[in-house]
Every structure is written in structure tokens, then in C-alpha cells.
């Protein structure tokens, strides 16, 4: 989830037009990382989960195009 840049918000909060609001998108919450073990290797369960997730995603998209 992106967060509001509070430093810029508080520095510009006294403006007549209102404060400037920007979002800090540098966080890693937009990156989906595969499940790994302690050594950093992807596990078999994580790989199977990714395959199932992508198959479900494709199935829902195709279902939407065909039946909508």
C-alpha cells in the first residue's frame, strides 16, 4: 500500500491552495515475491501456488470475455 509523503504534506500544509499530497511509491509492497525458504530458494509449494494463481487469473479473464 502506498503511503502519503508526510514530510511534503507538513511542509506545505499552510498554503492557501491547500497542502501538496504525493504518494511514496518506493516501497516494495507492489512487488509480489515468491515464497522462499531460509536459504532463499523457492519452495515447491510456492511454485505450485504461483501456477495455480496465474491459472485462476487467466481463467477469470477468459470467463469475463466469453460470458460477459
N, C-alpha and C. Protein backbone atom coordinates (compact mmCIF):
# COMPACT_ATOMS: atom_id res chain seq x y z
N UNK A 1 0.84 -1.16 0.00
CA UNK A 1 0.00 0.00 0.00
C UNK A 1 0.89 1.23 0.00
N UNK A 2 0.61 2.19 -0.88
CA UNK A 2 1.42 3.40 -0.94
C UNK A 2 1.08 4.30 0.23
N UNK A 3 2.06 5.08 0.63
CA UNK A 3 1.88 5.95 1.78
C UNK A 3 2.01 7.40 1.33
N UNK A 4 1.31 8.30 2.00
CA UNK A 4 1.41 9.72 1.71
C UNK A 4 2.75 10.22 2.23
N UNK A 5 3.41 11.08 1.43
CA UNK A 5 4.68 11.66 1.84
C UNK A 5 4.39 12.74 2.88
N UNK A 6 4.53 12.38 4.14
CA UNK A 6 4.15 13.29 5.23
C UNK A 6 5.09 14.47 5.36
N UNK A 7 6.35 14.34 4.95
CA UNK A 7 7.27 15.47 5.02
C UNK A 7 6.81 16.60 4.11
N UNK A 8 6.46 16.29 2.88
CA UNK A 8 5.98 17.30 1.94
C UNK A 8 4.63 17.84 2.39
N UNK A 9 3.77 16.98 2.89
CA UNK A 9 2.45 17.41 3.36
C UNK A 9 2.57 18.42 4.49
N UNK A 10 3.39 18.13 5.48
CA UNK A 10 3.51 19.05 6.61
C UNK A 10 4.26 20.32 6.24
N UNK A 11 5.17 20.26 5.26
CA UNK A 11 5.90 21.45 4.84
C UNK A 11 5.01 22.40 4.04
N UNK A 12 3.99 21.87 3.39
CA UNK A 12 3.13 22.72 2.54
C UNK A 12 1.72 22.85 3.10
N UNK A 13 1.48 22.48 4.33
CA UNK A 13 0.13 22.49 4.89
C UNK A 13 -0.42 23.90 5.09
N UNK A 14 0.41 24.90 5.12
CA UNK A 14 -0.07 26.26 5.35
C UNK A 14 -0.33 27.03 4.05
N UNK A 15 -0.27 26.37 2.91
CA UNK A 15 -0.54 27.05 1.65
C UNK A 15 -2.02 27.40 1.54
N UNK A 16 -2.32 28.49 0.82
CA UNK A 16 -3.71 28.89 0.63
C UNK A 16 -4.48 27.86 -0.19
N UNK A 17 -3.81 27.28 -1.18
CA UNK A 17 -4.47 26.31 -2.05
C UNK A 17 -4.62 24.95 -1.39
N UNK A 18 -4.02 24.79 -0.27
CA UNK A 18 -4.04 23.50 0.40
C UNK A 18 -2.70 22.81 0.29
N UNK A 19 -2.49 21.79 1.07
CA UNK A 19 -1.20 21.11 1.06
C UNK A 19 -1.01 20.26 -0.20
N UNK A 20 0.25 20.05 -0.55
CA UNK A 20 0.57 19.14 -1.64
C UNK A 20 0.56 17.72 -1.10
N UNK A 21 -0.08 16.85 -1.83
CA UNK A 21 -0.15 15.45 -1.42
C UNK A 21 0.47 14.61 -2.51
N UNK A 22 1.52 13.90 -2.19
CA UNK A 22 2.15 12.96 -3.11
C UNK A 22 2.24 11.61 -2.42
N UNK A 23 2.39 10.59 -3.21
CA UNK A 23 2.46 9.24 -2.67
C UNK A 23 3.86 8.69 -2.82
N UNK A 24 4.33 8.06 -1.80
CA UNK A 24 5.64 7.42 -1.81
C UNK A 24 5.48 6.02 -2.39
N UNK A 25 5.93 5.85 -3.63
CA UNK A 25 5.78 4.56 -4.31
C UNK A 25 7.07 3.75 -4.30
N UNK A 26 8.03 4.16 -3.49
CA UNK A 26 9.31 3.46 -3.47
C UNK A 26 9.28 2.19 -2.62
N UNK A 27 8.22 1.97 -1.90
CA UNK A 27 8.13 0.78 -1.05
C UNK A 27 7.99 -0.46 -1.93
N UNK A 28 8.29 -1.59 -1.36
CA UNK A 28 8.26 -2.85 -2.10
C UNK A 28 6.91 -3.56 -2.00
N UNK A 29 5.86 -2.85 -1.60
CA UNK A 29 4.59 -3.54 -1.45
C UNK A 29 3.92 -3.84 -2.79
N UNK A 30 4.39 -3.26 -3.86
CA UNK A 30 3.80 -3.54 -5.17
C UNK A 30 4.47 -4.73 -5.84
N UNK A 31 5.50 -5.27 -5.23
CA UNK A 31 6.23 -6.39 -5.81
C UNK A 31 5.78 -7.67 -5.12
N UNK A 32 5.35 -8.62 -5.91
CA UNK A 32 4.96 -9.91 -5.36
C UNK A 32 6.18 -10.82 -5.43
N UNK A 33 6.64 -11.24 -4.29
CA UNK A 33 7.83 -12.09 -4.24
C UNK A 33 7.41 -13.53 -3.94
N UNK A 34 8.03 -14.47 -4.59
CA UNK A 34 7.68 -15.88 -4.33
C UNK A 34 8.11 -16.29 -2.93
N UNK A 35 7.41 -17.28 -2.42
CA UNK A 35 7.73 -17.80 -1.09
C UNK A 35 9.05 -18.55 -1.16
N UNK A 36 9.96 -18.24 -0.26
CA UNK A 36 11.28 -18.88 -0.25
C UNK A 36 11.55 -19.48 1.13
N UNK A 37 12.51 -20.39 1.15
CA UNK A 37 12.93 -20.98 2.42
C UNK A 37 14.01 -20.11 3.05
N UNK A 38 14.63 -20.60 4.10
CA UNK A 38 15.64 -19.81 4.82
C UNK A 38 16.85 -19.48 3.97
N UNK A 39 17.15 -20.31 2.97
CA UNK A 39 18.33 -20.10 2.13
C UNK A 39 18.03 -19.25 0.90
N UNK A 40 16.79 -18.84 0.72
CA UNK A 40 16.42 -18.01 -0.41
C UNK A 40 15.96 -18.79 -1.63
N UNK A 41 15.85 -20.10 -1.52
CA UNK A 41 15.39 -20.92 -2.65
C UNK A 41 13.87 -20.99 -2.66
N UNK A 42 13.30 -20.95 -3.86
CA UNK A 42 11.86 -21.09 -3.98
C UNK A 42 11.44 -22.51 -3.61
N UNK A 43 10.36 -22.62 -2.87
CA UNK A 43 9.89 -23.94 -2.46
C UNK A 43 8.95 -24.51 -3.52
N UNK A 44 8.77 -25.80 -3.50
CA UNK A 44 7.87 -26.45 -4.45
C UNK A 44 6.44 -25.97 -4.23
N UNK A 45 6.04 -25.81 -2.98
CA UNK A 45 4.71 -25.31 -2.69
C UNK A 45 4.48 -23.90 -3.22
N UNK A 46 5.51 -23.06 -3.12
CA UNK A 46 5.42 -21.70 -3.65
C UNK A 46 5.27 -21.69 -5.16
N UNK A 47 6.01 -22.56 -5.84
CA UNK A 47 5.91 -22.65 -7.29
C UNK A 47 4.54 -23.17 -7.72
N UNK A 48 4.03 -24.17 -7.01
CA UNK A 48 2.70 -24.70 -7.32
C UNK A 48 1.64 -23.61 -7.07
N UNK A 49 1.80 -22.88 -6.00
CA UNK A 49 0.86 -21.79 -5.71
C UNK A 49 0.86 -20.72 -6.79
N UNK A 50 2.04 -20.38 -7.31
CA UNK A 50 2.12 -19.39 -8.40
C UNK A 50 1.41 -19.91 -9.64
N UNK A 51 1.60 -21.17 -9.96
CA UNK A 51 0.95 -21.74 -11.15
C UNK A 51 -0.56 -21.71 -10.99
N UNK A 52 -1.04 -22.10 -9.81
CA UNK A 52 -2.48 -22.09 -9.56
C UNK A 52 -3.02 -20.66 -9.63
N UNK A 53 -2.30 -19.71 -9.04
CA UNK A 53 -2.76 -18.32 -9.04
C UNK A 53 -2.84 -17.76 -10.45
N UNK A 54 -1.83 -18.01 -11.26
CA UNK A 54 -1.86 -17.50 -12.63
C UNK A 54 -2.91 -18.20 -13.48
N UNK A 55 -3.12 -19.49 -13.26
CA UNK A 55 -4.18 -20.19 -13.98
C UNK A 55 -5.56 -19.63 -13.61
N UNK A 56 -5.77 -19.36 -12.34
CA UNK A 56 -7.03 -18.76 -11.91
C UNK A 56 -7.21 -17.37 -12.51
N UNK A 57 -6.15 -16.60 -12.56
CA UNK A 57 -6.23 -15.26 -13.13
C UNK A 57 -6.62 -15.32 -14.60
N UNK A 58 -5.98 -16.20 -15.37
CA UNK A 58 -6.30 -16.36 -16.78
C UNK A 58 -7.72 -16.88 -16.96
N UNK A 59 -8.13 -17.80 -16.11
CA UNK A 59 -9.48 -18.36 -16.21
C UNK A 59 -10.54 -17.28 -15.96
N UNK A 60 -10.33 -16.43 -14.97
CA UNK A 60 -11.30 -15.37 -14.69
C UNK A 60 -11.34 -14.34 -15.82
N UNK A 61 -10.19 -14.02 -16.39
CA UNK A 61 -10.18 -13.08 -17.51
C UNK A 61 -10.90 -13.68 -18.71
N UNK A 62 -10.61 -14.92 -19.04
CA UNK A 62 -11.30 -15.57 -20.16
C UNK A 62 -12.79 -15.72 -19.88
N UNK A 63 -13.15 -16.05 -18.67
CA UNK A 63 -14.57 -16.16 -18.30
C UNK A 63 -15.27 -14.81 -18.50
N UNK A 64 -14.59 -13.74 -18.13
CA UNK A 64 -15.17 -12.41 -18.30
C UNK A 64 -15.36 -12.05 -19.75
N UNK A 65 -14.43 -12.40 -20.61
CA UNK A 65 -14.56 -12.08 -22.03
C UNK A 65 -15.61 -12.96 -22.72
N UNK A 66 -15.71 -14.19 -22.33
CA UNK A 66 -16.61 -15.12 -23.02
C UNK A 66 -18.05 -14.93 -22.56
N UNK A 67 -18.28 -14.80 -21.26
CA UNK A 67 -19.64 -14.82 -20.73
C UNK A 67 -20.17 -13.44 -20.32
N UNK A 68 -19.43 -12.40 -20.54
CA UNK A 68 -19.92 -11.09 -20.14
C UNK A 68 -20.47 -10.36 -21.28
